Amino acid sequence: MKRFLSLVTILGLTGLGLGLTAVAQNQAGQTQTNSAQQQQPVDTQSARSFEGKITKAGDKLVLQDSSTRQAYQLDDQDKAKQFEGKNVKVTATMNPNTNTLHIVDITPVER
């Protein structure tokens, strides 16, 4: 009888230990998931339009916004190159931390 009770106690404690380990792992997994979600790029927002002129700033092309006079870095210099010196409408997402536009589309605008 003592052996039976000892065996039941050992099995019960083992089960409890496994259950606690599973809970701890689940909480750790949720913490990692939450951290990963917080570290996702800011530019996962939907694209919006910016209008202005493609100009040179040093050795990089930028969009000089016509309404705010704000200059935005452009992530795709090849797309922007063909519009240098021209007024354009840029559809893009913006990373406010780096002031960079991630270009979706560029179209010329007549002024």
PDB file of N, CA and C in Angstrom:
ATOM      1  N   MET A   1       0.816  -1.181   0.000  1.00  0.00           N
ATOM      2  CA  MET A   1       0.000   0.000   0.000  1.00  0.00           C
ATOM      3  C   MET A   1       0.870   1.260   0.000  1.00  0.00           C
ATOM      4  N   LYS A   2       1.968   1.251   0.806  1.00  0.00           N
ATOM      5  CA  LYS A   2       2.859   2.404   0.839  1.00  0.00           C
ATOM      6  C   LYS A   2       3.505   2.617  -0.525  1.00  0.00           C
ATOM      7  N   ARG A   3       3.848   1.508  -1.184  1.00  0.00           N
ATOM      8  CA  ARG A   3       4.445   1.623  -2.520  1.00  0.00           C
ATOM      9  C   ARG A   3       3.450   2.243  -3.498  1.00  0.00           C
ATOM     10  N   PHE A   4       2.203   1.835  -3.390  1.00  0.00           N
ATOM     11  CA  PHE A   4       1.166   2.370  -4.269  1.00  0.00           C
ATOM     12  C   PHE A   4       1.013   3.872  -4.044  1.00  0.00           C
ATOM     13  N   LEU A   5       0.951   4.302  -2.793  1.00  0.00           N
ATOM     14  CA  LEU A   5       0.823   5.728  -2.480  1.00  0.00           C
ATOM     15  C   LEU A   5       2.064   6.500  -2.932  1.00  0.00           C
ATOM     16  N   SER A   6       3.222   5.908  -2.767  1.00  0.00           N
ATOM     17  CA  SER A   6       4.461   6.548  -3.221  1.00  0.00           C
ATOM     18  C   SER A   6       4.454   6.711  -4.733  1.00  0.00           C
ATOM     19  N   LEU A   7       4.009   5.655  -5.425  1.00  0.00           N
ATOM     20  CA  LEU A   7       3.951   5.693  -6.876  1.00  0.00           C
ATOM     21  C   LEU A   7       2.959   6.760  -7.346  1.00  0.00           C
ATOM     22  N   VAL A   8       1.789   6.819  -6.717  1.00  0.00           N
ATOM     23  CA  VAL A   8       0.776   7.814  -7.080  1.00  0.00           C
ATOM     24  C   VAL A   8       1.319   9.222  -6.815  1.00  0.00           C
ATOM     25  N   THR A   9       2.001   9.404  -5.698  1.00  0.00           N
ATOM     26  CA  THR A   9       2.572  10.713  -5.358  1.00  0.00           C
ATOM     27  C   THR A   9       3.624  11.122  -6.373  1.00  0.00           C
ATOM     28  N   ILE A  10       4.492  10.198  -6.744  1.00  0.00           N
ATOM     29  CA  ILE A  10       5.548  10.493  -7.715  1.00  0.00           C
ATOM     30  C   ILE A  10       4.940  10.842  -9.072  1.00  0.00           C
ATOM     31  N   LEU A  11       3.953  10.044  -9.498  1.00  0.00           N
ATOM     32  CA  LEU A  11       3.300  10.328 -10.777  1.00  0.00           C
ATOM     33  C   LEU A  11       2.587  11.672 -10.740  1.00  0.00           C
ATOM     34  N   GLY A  12       1.942  11.962  -9.639  1.00  0.00           N
ATOM     35  CA  GLY A  12       1.241  13.242  -9.499  1.00  0.00           C
ATOM     36  C   GLY A  12       2.199  14.418  -9.564  1.00  0.00           C
ATOM     37  N   LEU A  13       3.322  14.321  -8.867  1.00  0.00           N
ATOM     38  CA  LEU A  13       4.306  15.400  -8.879  1.00  0.00           C
ATOM     39  C   LEU A  13       4.953  15.548 -10.245  1.00  0.00           C
ATOM     40  N   THR A  14       5.187  14.420 -10.909  1.00  0.00           N
ATOM     41  CA  THR A  14       5.751  14.465 -12.258  1.00  0.00           C
ATOM     42  C   THR A  14       4.778  15.169 -13.197  1.00  0.00           C
ATOM     43  N   GLY A  15       3.513  14.822 -13.099  1.00  0.00           N
ATOM     44  CA  GLY A  15       2.485  15.468 -13.925  1.00  0.00           C
ATOM     45  C   GLY A  15       2.402  16.958 -13.642  1.00  0.00           C
ATOM     46  N   LEU A  16       2.482  17.322 -12.392  1.00  0.00           N
ATOM     47  CA  LEU A  16       2.457  18.730 -12.017  1.00  0.00           C
ATOM     48  C   LEU A  16       3.662  19.457 -12.584  1.00  0.00           C
ATOM     49  N   GLY A  17       4.812  18.821 -12.504  1.00  0.00           N
ATOM     50  CA  GLY A  17       6.032  19.422 -13.051  1.00  0.00           C
ATOM     51  C   GLY A  17       5.937  19.621 -14.547  1.00  0.00           C
ATOM     52  N   LEU A  18       5.394  18.624 -15.246  1.00  0.00           N
ATOM     53  CA  LEU A  18       5.227  18.754 -16.700  1.00  0.00           C
ATOM     54  C   LEU A  18       4.238  19.858 -17.030  1.00  0.00           C
ATOM     55  N   GLY A  19       3.176  19.937 -16.248  1.00  0.00           N
ATOM     56  CA  GLY A  19       2.172  20.979 -16.472  1.00  0.00           C
ATOM     57  C   GLY A  19       2.747  22.367 -16.266  1.00  0.00           C
ATOM     58  N   LEU A  20       3.541  22.537 -15.220  1.00  0.00           N
ATOM     59  CA  LEU A  20       4.164  23.833 -14.965  1.00  0.00           C
ATOM     60  C   LEU A  20       5.165  24.196 -16.049  1.00  0.00           C
ATOM     61  N   THR A  21       5.901  23.197 -16.536  1.00  0.00           N
ATOM     62  CA  THR A  21       6.855  23.438 -17.619  1.00  0.00           C
ATOM     63  C   THR A  21       6.117  23.888 -18.872  1.00  0.00           C
ATOM     64  N   ALA A  22       5.006  23.245 -19.184  1.00  0.00           N
ATOM     65  CA  ALA A  22       4.215  23.605 -20.367  1.00  0.00           C
ATOM     66  C   ALA A  22       3.683  25.035 -20.238  1.00  0.00           C
ATOM     67  N   VAL A  23       3.212  25.405 -19.057  1.00  0.00           N
ATOM     68  CA  VAL A  23       2.699  26.758 -18.834  1.00  0.00           C
ATOM     69  C   VAL A  23       3.821  27.774 -19.006  1.00  0.00           C
ATOM     70  N   ALA A  24       4.986  27.489 -18.444  1.00  0.00           N
ATOM     71  CA  ALA A  24       6.125  28.403 -18.551  1.00  0.00           C
ATOM     72  C   ALA A  24       6.552  28.567 -20.003  1.00  0.00           C
ATOM     73  N   GLN A  25       6.590  27.455 -20.752  1.00  0.00           N
ATOM     74  CA  GLN A  25       6.975  27.534 -22.157  1.00  0.00           C
ATOM     75  C   GLN A  25       5.949  28.327 -22.951  1.00  0.00           C
ATOM     76  N   ASN A  26       4.671  28.130 -22.653  1.00  0.00           N
ATOM     77  CA  ASN A  26       3.618  28.857 -23.349  1.00  0.00           C
ATOM     78  C   ASN A  26       3.743  30.351 -23.080  1.00  0.00           C
ATOM     79  N   GLN A  27       4.002  30.724 -21.823  1.00  0.00           N
ATOM     80  CA  GLN A  27       4.163  32.139 -21.494  1.00  0.00           C
ATOM     81  C   GLN A  27       5.388  32.720 -22.185  1.00  0.00           C
ATOM     82  N   ALA A  28       6.459  31.966 -22.240  1.00  0.00           N
ATOM     83  CA  ALA A  28       7.666  32.433 -22.925  1.00  0.00           C
ATOM     84  C   ALA A  28       7.389  32.612 -24.410  1.00  0.00           C
ATOM     85  N   GLY A  29       6.650  31.690 -24.997  1.00  0.00           N
ATOM     86  CA  GLY A  29       6.296  31.785 -26.415  1.00  0.00           C
ATOM     87  C   GLY A  29       5.439  33.006 -26.693  1.00  0.00           C
ATOM     88  N   GLN A  30       4.511  33.308 -25.791  1.00  0.00           N
ATOM     89  CA  GLN A  30       3.672  34.483 -25.963  1.00  0.00           C
ATOM     90  C   GLN A  30       4.499  35.749 -25.844  1.00  0.00           C
ATOM     91  N   THR A  31       5.442  35.769 -24.934  1.00  0.00           N
ATOM     92  CA  THR A  31       6.301  36.933 -24.774  1.00  0.00           C
ATOM     93  C   THR A  31       7.128  37.150 -26.033  1.00  0.00           C
ATOM     94  N   GLN A  32       7.670  36.062 -26.608  1.00  0.00           N
ATOM     95  CA  GLN A  32       8.450  36.193 -27.835  1.00  0.00           C
ATOM     96  C   GLN A  32       7.566  36.666 -28.973  1.00  0.00           C
ATOM     97  N   THR A  33       6.336  36.152 -29.064  1.00  0.00           N
ATOM     98  CA  THR A  33       5.415  36.566 -30.109  1.00  0.00           C
ATOM     99  C   THR A  33       5.085  38.044 -29.959  1.00  0.00           C
ATOM    100  N   ASN A  34       4.797  38.488 -28.734  1.00  0.00           N
ATOM    101  CA  ASN A  34       4.487  39.894 -28.502  1.00  0.00           C
ATOM    102  C   ASN A  34       5.668  40.778 -28.853  1.00  0.00           C
ATOM    103  N   SER A  35       6.879  40.352 -28.505  1.00  0.00           N
ATOM    104  CA  SER A  35       8.076  41.124 -28.829  1.00  0.00           C
ATOM    105  C   SER A  35       8.258  41.206 -30.337  1.00  0.00           C
ATOM    106  N   ALA A  36       8.035  40.097 -31.019  1.00  0.00           N
ATOM    107  CA  ALA A  36       8.182  40.078 -32.478  1.00  0.00           C
ATOM    108  C   ALA A  36       7.156  40.999 -33.124  1.00  0.00           C
ATOM    109  N   GLN A  37       5.937  41.021 -32.590  1.00  0.00           N
ATOM    110  CA  GLN A  37       4.907  41.889 -33.138  1.00  0.00           C
ATOM    111  C   GLN A  37       5.279  43.348 -32.932  1.00  0.00           C
ATOM    112  N   GLN A  38       5.871  43.679 -31.799  1.00  0.00           N
ATOM    113  CA  GLN A  38       6.250  45.054 -31.518  1.00  0.00           C
ATOM    114  C   GLN A  38       7.424  45.481 -32.377  1.00  0.00           C
ATOM    115  N   GLN A  39       8.255  44.548 -32.829  1.00  0.00           N
ATOM    116  CA  GLN A  39       9.431  44.887 -33.601  1.00  0.00           C
ATOM    117  C   GLN A  39       9.179  44.856 -35.097  1.00  0.00           C
ATOM    118  N   GLN A  40       7.950  44.593 -35.511  1.00  0.00           N
ATOM    119  CA  GLN A  40       7.659  44.594 -36.931  1.00  0.00           C
ATOM    120  C   GLN A  40       7.912  45.988 -37.484  1.00  0.00           C
ATOM    121  N   PRO A  41       8.281  46.067 -38.761  1.00  0.00           N
ATOM    122  CA  PRO A  41       8.537  47.370 -39.343  1.00  0.00           C
ATOM    123  C   PRO A  41       7.340  48.283 -39.218  1.00  0.00           C
ATOM    124  N   VAL A  42       7.644  49.559 -39.055  1.00  0.00           N
ATOM    125  CA  VAL A  42       6.594  50.542 -38.897  1.00  0.00           C
ATOM    126  C   VAL A  42       5.803  50.700 -40.190  1.00  0.00           C
ATOM    127  N   ASP A  43       6.443  50.414 -41.326  1.00  0.00           N
ATOM    128  CA  ASP A  43       5.814  50.645 -42.615  1.00  0.00           C
ATOM    129  C   ASP A  43       4.832  49.561 -43.038  1.00  0.00           C
ATOM    130  N   THR A  44       4.306  48.793 -42.094  1.00  0.00           N
ATOM    131  CA  THR A  44       3.275  47.835 -42.441  1.00  0.00           C
ATOM    132  C   THR A  44       1.932  48.540 -42.590  1.00  0.00           C
ATOM    133  N   GLN A  45       1.916  49.831 -42.397  1.00  0.00           N
ATOM    134  CA  GLN A  45       0.710  50.612 -42.587  1.00  0.00           C
ATOM    135  C   GLN A  45       0.355  50.643 -44.068  1.00  0.00           C
ATOM    136  N   SER A  46      -0.831  51.083 -44.398  1.00  0.00           N
ATOM    137  CA  SER A  46      -1.229  51.115 -45.799  1.00  0.00           C
ATOM    138  C   SER A  46      -0.552  52.282 -46.510  1.00  0.00           C
ATOM    139  N   ALA A  47      -0.369  52.111 -47.798  1.00  0.00           N
ATOM    140  CA  ALA A  47       0.303  53.117 -48.609  1.00  0.00           C
ATOM    141  C   ALA A  47      -0.568  54.363 -48.742  1.00  0.00           C
ATOM    142  N   ARG A  48       0.088  55.505 -48.864  1.00  0.00           N
ATOM    143  CA  ARG A  48      -0.621  56.754 -49.106  1.00  0.00           C
ATOM    144  C   ARG A  48       0.137  57.558 -50.145  1.00  0.00           C
ATOM    145  N   SER A  49      -0.447  58.653 -50.590  1.00  0.00           N
ATOM    146  CA  SER A  49       0.147  59.454 -51.661  1.00  0.00           C
ATOM    147  C   SER A  49       0.910  60.652 -51.117  1.00  0.00           C
ATOM    148  N   PHE A  50       2.014  60.949 -51.786  1.00  0.00           N
ATOM    149  CA  PHE A  50       2.829  62.121 -51.503  1.00  0.00           C
ATOM    150  C   PHE A  50       3.069  62.801 -52.842  1.00  0.00           C
ATOM    151  N   GLU A  51       2.970  64.125 -52.896  1.00  0.00           N
ATOM    152  CA  GLU A  51       3.240  64.847 -54.141  1.00  0.00           C
ATOM    153  C   GLU A  51       4.385  65.807 -53.939  1.00  0.00           C
ATOM    154  N   GLY A  52       5.214  65.909 -54.961  1.00  0.00           N
ATOM    155  CA  GLY A  52       6.336  66.830 -54.901  1.00  0.00           C
ATOM    156  C   GLY A  52       7.267  66.629 -56.074  1.00  0.00           C
ATOM    157  N   LYS A  53       8.497  67.076 -55.881  1.00  0.00           N
ATOM    158  CA  LYS A  53       9.497  67.025 -56.941  1.00  0.00           C
ATOM    159  C   LYS A  53      10.640  66.116 -56.512  1.00  0.00           C
ATOM    160  N   ILE A  54      11.086  65.283 -57.441  1.00  0.00           N
ATOM    161  CA  ILE A  54      12.249  64.424 -57.191  1.00  0.00           C
ATOM    162  C   ILE A  54      13.498  65.283 -57.398  1.00  0.00           C
ATOM    163  N   THR A  55      14.285  65.433 -56.335  1.00  0.00           N
ATOM    164  CA  THR A  55      15.497  66.255 -56.397  1.00  0.00           C
ATOM    165  C   THR A  55      16.669  65.503 -55.783  1.00  0.00           C
ATOM    166  N   LYS A  56      17.868  66.034 -56.028  1.00  0.00           N
ATOM    167  CA  LYS A  56      19.084  65.459 -55.448  1.00  0.00           C
ATOM    168  C   LYS A  56      19.334  66.102 -54.090  1.00  0.00           C
ATOM    169  N   ALA A  57      19.703  65.277 -53.125  1.00  0.00           N
ATOM    170  CA  ALA A  57      20.170  65.752 -51.825  1.00  0.00           C
ATOM    171  C   ALA A  57      21.465  64.991 -51.579  1.00  0.00           C
ATOM    172  N   GLY A  58      22.577  65.659 -51.834  1.00  0.00           N
ATOM    173  CA  GLY A  58      23.860  64.959 -51.794  1.00  0.00           C
ATOM    174  C   GLY A  58      23.929  64.009 -52.974  1.00  0.00           C
ATOM    175  N   ASP A  59      24.159  62.737 -52.705  1.00  0.00           N
ATOM    176  CA  ASP A  59      24.221  61.749 -53.780  1.00  0.00           C
ATOM    177  C   ASP A  59      22.954  60.908 -53.870  1.00  0.00           C
ATOM    178  N   LYS A  60      21.911  61.315 -53.147  1.00  0.00           N
ATOM    179  CA  LYS A  60      20.651  60.557 -53.126  1.00  0.00           C
ATOM    180  C   LYS A  60      19.505  61.384 -53.695  1.00  0.00           C
ATOM    181  N   LEU A  61      18.562  60.688 -54.315  1.00  0.00           N
ATOM    182  CA  LEU A  61      17.336  61.337 -54.760  1.00  0.00           C
ATOM    183  C   LEU A  61      16.335  61.331 -53.612  1.00  0.00           C
ATOM    184  N   VAL A  62      15.619  62.442 -53.460  1.00  0.00           N
ATOM    185  CA  VAL A  62      14.600  62.576 -52.419  1.00  0.00           C
ATOM    186  C   VAL A  62      13.336  63.143 -53.039  1.00  0.00           C
ATOM    187  N   LEU A  63      12.239  63.010 -52.332  1.00  0.00           N
ATOM    188  CA  LEU A  63      11.003  63.660 -52.742  1.00  0.00           C
ATOM    189  C   LEU A  63      10.849  64.904 -51.884  1.00  0.00           C
ATOM    190  N   GLN A  64      10.826  66.067 -52.552  1.00  0.00           N
ATOM    191  CA  GLN A  64      10.592  67.336 -51.857  1.00  0.00           C
ATOM    192  C   GLN A  64       9.094  67.581 -51.936  1.00  0.00           C
ATOM    193  N   ASP A  65       8.383  67.356 -50.822  1.00  0.00           N
ATOM    194  CA  ASP A  65       6.928  67.482 -50.776  1.00  0.00           C
ATOM    195  C   ASP A  65       6.531  68.923 -51.081  1.00  0.00           C
ATOM    196  N   SER A  66       5.587  69.097 -52.026  1.00  0.00           N
ATOM    197  CA  SER A  66       5.210  70.440 -52.458  1.00  0.00           C
ATOM    198  C   SER A  66       4.376  71.190 -51.419  1.00  0.00           C
ATOM    199  N   SER A  67       3.628  70.492 -50.601  1.00  0.00           N
ATOM    200  CA  SER A  67       2.776  71.202 -49.635  1.00  0.00           C
ATOM    201  C   SER A  67       3.473  71.451 -48.301  1.00  0.00           C
ATOM    202  N   THR A  68       4.302  70.533 -47.838  1.00  0.00           N
ATOM    203  CA  THR A  68       4.935  70.676 -46.523  1.00  0.00           C
ATOM    204  C   THR A  68       6.395  71.111 -46.600  1.00  0.00           C
ATOM    205  N   ARG A  69       6.975  71.089 -47.799  1.00  0.00           N
ATOM    206  CA  ARG A  69       8.400  71.375 -48.007  1.00  0.00           C
ATOM    207  C   ARG A  69       9.305  70.373 -47.298  1.00  0.00           C
ATOM    208  N   GLN A  70       8.736  69.254 -46.894  1.00  0.00           N
ATOM    209  CA  GLN A  70       9.478  68.175 -46.235  1.00  0.00           C
ATOM    210  C   GLN A  70      10.175  67.337 -47.301  1.00  0.00           C
ATOM    211  N   ALA A  71      11.433  66.975 -47.051  1.00  0.00           N
ATOM    212  CA  ALA A  71      12.164  66.094 -47.963  1.00  0.00           C
ATOM    213  C   ALA A  71      12.122  64.682 -47.399  1.00  0.00           C
ATOM    214  N   TYR A  72      11.741  63.733 -48.233  1.00  0.00           N
ATOM    215  CA  TYR A  72      11.665  62.330 -47.837  1.00  0.00           C
ATOM    216  C   TYR A  72      12.716  61.512 -48.571  1.00  0.00           C
ATOM    217  N   GLN A  73      13.410  60.658 -47.841  1.00  0.00           N
ATOM    218  CA  GLN A  73      14.336  59.717 -48.450  1.00  0.00           C
ATOM    219  C   GLN A  73      13.512  58.726 -49.284  1.00  0.00           C
ATOM    220  N   LEU A  74      14.092  58.212 -50.341  1.00  0.00           N
ATOM    221  CA  LEU A  74      13.403  57.240 -51.193  1.00  0.00           C
ATOM    222  C   LEU A  74      14.166  55.924 -51.171  1.00  0.00           C
ATOM    223  N   ASP A  75      13.455  54.834 -50.907  1.00  0.00           N
ATOM    224  CA  ASP A  75      14.134  53.537 -50.777  1.00  0.00           C
ATOM    225  C   ASP A  75      14.535  52.940 -52.116  1.00  0.00           C
ATOM    226  N   ASP A  76      13.863  53.310 -53.188  1.00  0.00           N
ATOM    227  CA  ASP A  76      14.163  52.733 -54.505  1.00  0.00           C
ATOM    228  C   ASP A  76      14.680  53.833 -55.422  1.00  0.00           C
ATOM    229  N   GLN A  77      15.983  54.024 -55.407  1.00  0.00           N
ATOM    230  CA  GLN A  77      16.609  55.079 -56.199  1.00  0.00           C
ATOM    231  C   GLN A  77      16.444  54.834 -57.703  1.00  0.00           C
ATOM    232  N   ASP A  78      16.397  53.576 -58.116  1.00  0.00           N
ATOM    233  CA  ASP A  78      16.234  53.261 -59.543  1.00  0.00           C
ATOM    234  C   ASP A  78      14.879  53.719 -60.067  1.00  0.00           C
ATOM    235  N   LYS A  79      13.821  53.475 -59.297  1.00  0.00           N
ATOM    236  CA  LYS A  79      12.490  53.933 -59.718  1.00  0.00           C
ATOM    237  C   LYS A  79      12.437  55.448 -59.788  1.00  0.00           C
ATOM    238  N   ALA A  80      13.067  56.118 -58.848  1.00  0.00           N
ATOM    239  CA  ALA A  80      13.008  57.574 -58.762  1.00  0.00           C
ATOM    240  C   ALA A  80      13.864  58.258 -59.828  1.00  0.00           C
ATOM    241  N   LYS A  81      14.933  57.605 -60.274  1.00  0.00           N
ATOM    242  CA  LYS A  81      15.911  58.223 -61.175  1.00  0.00           C
ATOM    243  C   LYS A  81      15.290  58.770 -62.455  1.00  0.00           C
ATOM    244  N   GLN A  82      14.351  58.032 -63.032  1.00  0.00           N
ATOM    245  CA  GLN A  82      13.748  58.470 -64.292  1.00  0.00           C
ATOM    246  C   GLN A  82      12.871  59.707 -64.130  1.00  0.00           C
ATOM    247  N   PHE A  83      12.559  60.087 -62.878  1.00  0.00           N
ATOM    248  CA  PHE A  83      11.710  61.241 -62.620  1.00  0.00           C
ATOM    249  C   PHE A  83      12.484  62.413 -62.020  1.00  0.00           C
ATOM    250  N   GLU A  84      13.808  62.353 -62.016  1.00  0.00           N
ATOM    251  CA  GLU A  84      14.615  63.413 -61.419  1.00  0.00           C
ATOM    252  C   GLU A  84      14.281  64.769 -62.041  1.00  0.00           C
ATOM    253  N   GLY A  85      14.006  65.763 -61.184  1.00  0.00           N
ATOM    254  CA  GLY A  85      13.660  67.111 -61.638  1.00  0.00           C
ATOM    255  C   GLY A  85      12.204  67.284 -62.019  1.00  0.00           C
ATOM    256  N   LYS A  86      11.404  66.219 -61.894  1.00  0.00           N
ATOM    257  CA  LYS A  86      10.008  66.281 -62.298  1.00  0.00           C
ATOM    258  C   LYS A  86       9.075  66.241 -61.095  1.00  0.00           C
ATOM    259  N   ASN A  87       7.883  66.804 -61.292  1.00  0.00           N
ATOM    260  CA  ASN A  87       6.837  66.726 -60.281  1.00  0.00           C
ATOM    261  C   ASN A  87       6.151  65.371 -60.399  1.00  0.00           C
ATOM    262  N   VAL A  88       5.971  64.719 -59.258  1.00  0.00           N
ATOM    263  CA  VAL A  88       5.425  63.366 -59.263  1.00  0.00           C
ATOM    264  C   VAL A  88       4.441  63.172 -58.113  1.00  0.00           C
ATOM    265  N   LYS A  89       3.697  62.103 -58.253  1.00  0.00           N
ATOM    266  CA  LYS A  89       2.862  61.596 -57.164  1.00  0.00           C
ATOM    267  C   LYS A  89       3.460  60.242 -56.802  1.00  0.00           C
ATOM    268  N   VAL A  90       3.878  60.095 -55.543  1.00  0.00           N
ATOM    269  CA  VAL A  90       4.488  58.853 -55.076  1.00  0.00           C
ATOM    270  C   VAL A  90       3.503  58.166 -54.144  1.00  0.00           C
ATOM    271  N   THR A  91       3.154  56.942 -54.469  1.00  0.00           N
ATOM    272  CA  THR A  91       2.359  56.116 -53.568  1.00  0.00           C
ATOM    273  C   THR A  91       3.358  55.275 -52.796  1.00  0.00           C
ATOM    274  N   ALA A  92       3.302  55.394 -51.461  1.00  0.00           N
ATOM    275  CA  ALA A  92       4.332  54.748 -50.645  1.00  0.00           C
ATOM    276  C   ALA A  92       3.861  54.585 -49.207  1.00  0.00           C
ATOM    277  N   THR A  93       4.574  53.738 -48.503  1.00  0.00           N
ATOM    278  CA  THR A  93       4.436  53.687 -47.050  1.00  0.00           C
ATOM    279  C   THR A  93       5.642  54.434 -46.495  1.00  0.00           C
ATOM    280  N   MET A  94       5.460  55.020 -45.323  1.00  0.00           N
ATOM    281  CA  MET A  94       6.548  55.814 -44.760  1.00  0.00           C
ATOM    282  C   MET A  94       7.013  55.235 -43.437  1.00  0.00           C
ATOM    283  N   ASN A  95       8.318  55.176 -43.281  1.00  0.00           N
ATOM    284  CA  ASN A  95       8.914  54.826 -42.002  1.00  0.00           C
ATOM    285  C   ASN A  95       9.251  56.143 -41.321  1.00  0.00           C
ATOM    286  N   PRO A  96       8.462  56.539 -40.307  1.00  0.00           N
ATOM    287  CA  PRO A  96       8.692  57.838 -39.677  1.00  0.00           C
ATOM    288  C   PRO A  96      10.003  57.897 -38.888  1.00  0.00           C
ATOM    289  N   ASN A  97      10.538  56.748 -38.510  1.00  0.00           N
ATOM    290  CA  ASN A  97      11.802  56.735 -37.772  1.00  0.00           C
ATOM    291  C   ASN A  97      12.977  57.168 -38.644  1.00  0.00           C
ATOM    292  N   THR A  98      12.910  56.835 -39.931  1.00  0.00           N
ATOM    293  CA  THR A  98      14.004  57.172 -40.842  1.00  0.00           C
ATOM    294  C   THR A  98      13.592  58.195 -41.894  1.00  0.00           C
ATOM    295  N   ASN A  99      12.312  58.600 -41.876  1.00  0.00           N
ATOM    296  CA  ASN A  99      11.766  59.539 -42.856  1.00  0.00           C
ATOM    297  C   ASN A  99      11.955  59.022 -44.277  1.00  0.00           C
ATOM    298  N   THR A 100      11.799  57.698 -44.432  1.00  0.00           N
ATOM    299  CA  THR A 100      11.995  57.048 -45.724  1.00  0.00           C
ATOM    300  C   THR A 100      10.674  56.585 -46.305  1.00  0.00           C
ATOM    301  N   LEU A 101      10.482  56.871 -47.583  1.00  0.00           N
ATOM    302  CA  LEU A 101       9.305  56.376 -48.294  1.00  0.00           C
ATOM    303  C   LEU A 101       9.670  55.059 -48.971  1.00  0.00           C
ATOM    304  N   HIS A 102       8.857  54.053 -48.729  1.00  0.00           N
ATOM    305  CA  HIS A 102       9.021  52.758 -49.395  1.00  0.00           C
ATOM    306  C   HIS A 102       8.065  52.766 -50.580  1.00  0.00           C
ATOM    307  N   ILE A 103       8.613  53.003 -51.743  1.00  0.00           N
ATOM    308  CA  ILE A 103       7.844  53.295 -52.945  1.00  0.00           C
ATOM    309  C   ILE A 103       7.041  52.084 -53.417  1.00  0.00           C
ATOM    310  N   VAL A 104       5.761  52.355 -53.677  1.00  0.00           N
ATOM    311  CA  VAL A 104       4.885  51.377 -54.325  1.00  0.00           C
ATOM    312  C   VAL A 104       4.759  51.760 -55.797  1.00  0.00           C
ATOM    313  N   ASP A 105       4.583  53.080 -56.066  1.00  0.00           N
ATOM    314  CA  ASP A 105       4.397  53.545 -57.434  1.00  0.00           C
ATOM    315  C   ASP A 105       4.784  55.021 -57.532  1.00  0.00           C
ATOM    316  N   ILE A 106       5.268  55.428 -58.700  1.00  0.00           N
ATOM    317  CA  ILE A 106       5.548  56.833 -58.982  1.00  0.00           C
ATOM    318  C   ILE A 106       4.905  57.167 -60.319  1.00  0.00           C
ATOM    319  N   THR A 107       4.168  58.272 -60.359  1.00  0.00           N
ATOM    320  CA  THR A 107       3.576  58.735 -61.614  1.00  0.00           C
ATOM    321  C   THR A 107       3.840  60.225 -61.754  1.00  0.00           C
ATOM    322  N   PRO A 108       4.068  60.693 -62.988  1.00  0.00           N
ATOM    323  CA  PRO A 108       4.296  62.131 -63.191  1.00  0.00           C
ATOM    324  C   PRO A 108       3.009  62.921 -62.957  1.00  0.00           C
ATOM    325  N   VAL A 109       3.182  64.165 -62.520  1.00  0.00           N
ATOM    326  CA  VAL A 109       2.052  65.074 -62.279  1.00  0.00           C
ATOM    327  C   VAL A 109       2.298  66.333 -63.107  1.00  0.00           C
ATOM    328  N   GLU A 110       1.277  66.747 -63.828  1.00  0.00           N
ATOM    329  CA  GLU A 110       1.371  67.981 -64.626  1.00  0.00           C
ATOM    330  C   GLU A 110       1.073  69.173 -63.724  1.00  0.00           C
ATOM    331  N   ARG A 111       1.899  70.208 -63.802  1.00  0.00           N
ATOM    332  CA  ARG A 111       1.694  71.425 -62.995  1.00  0.00           C
ATOM    333  C   ARG A 111       1.506  72.599 -63.912  1.00  0.00           C
TER     334      ARG A 111
END
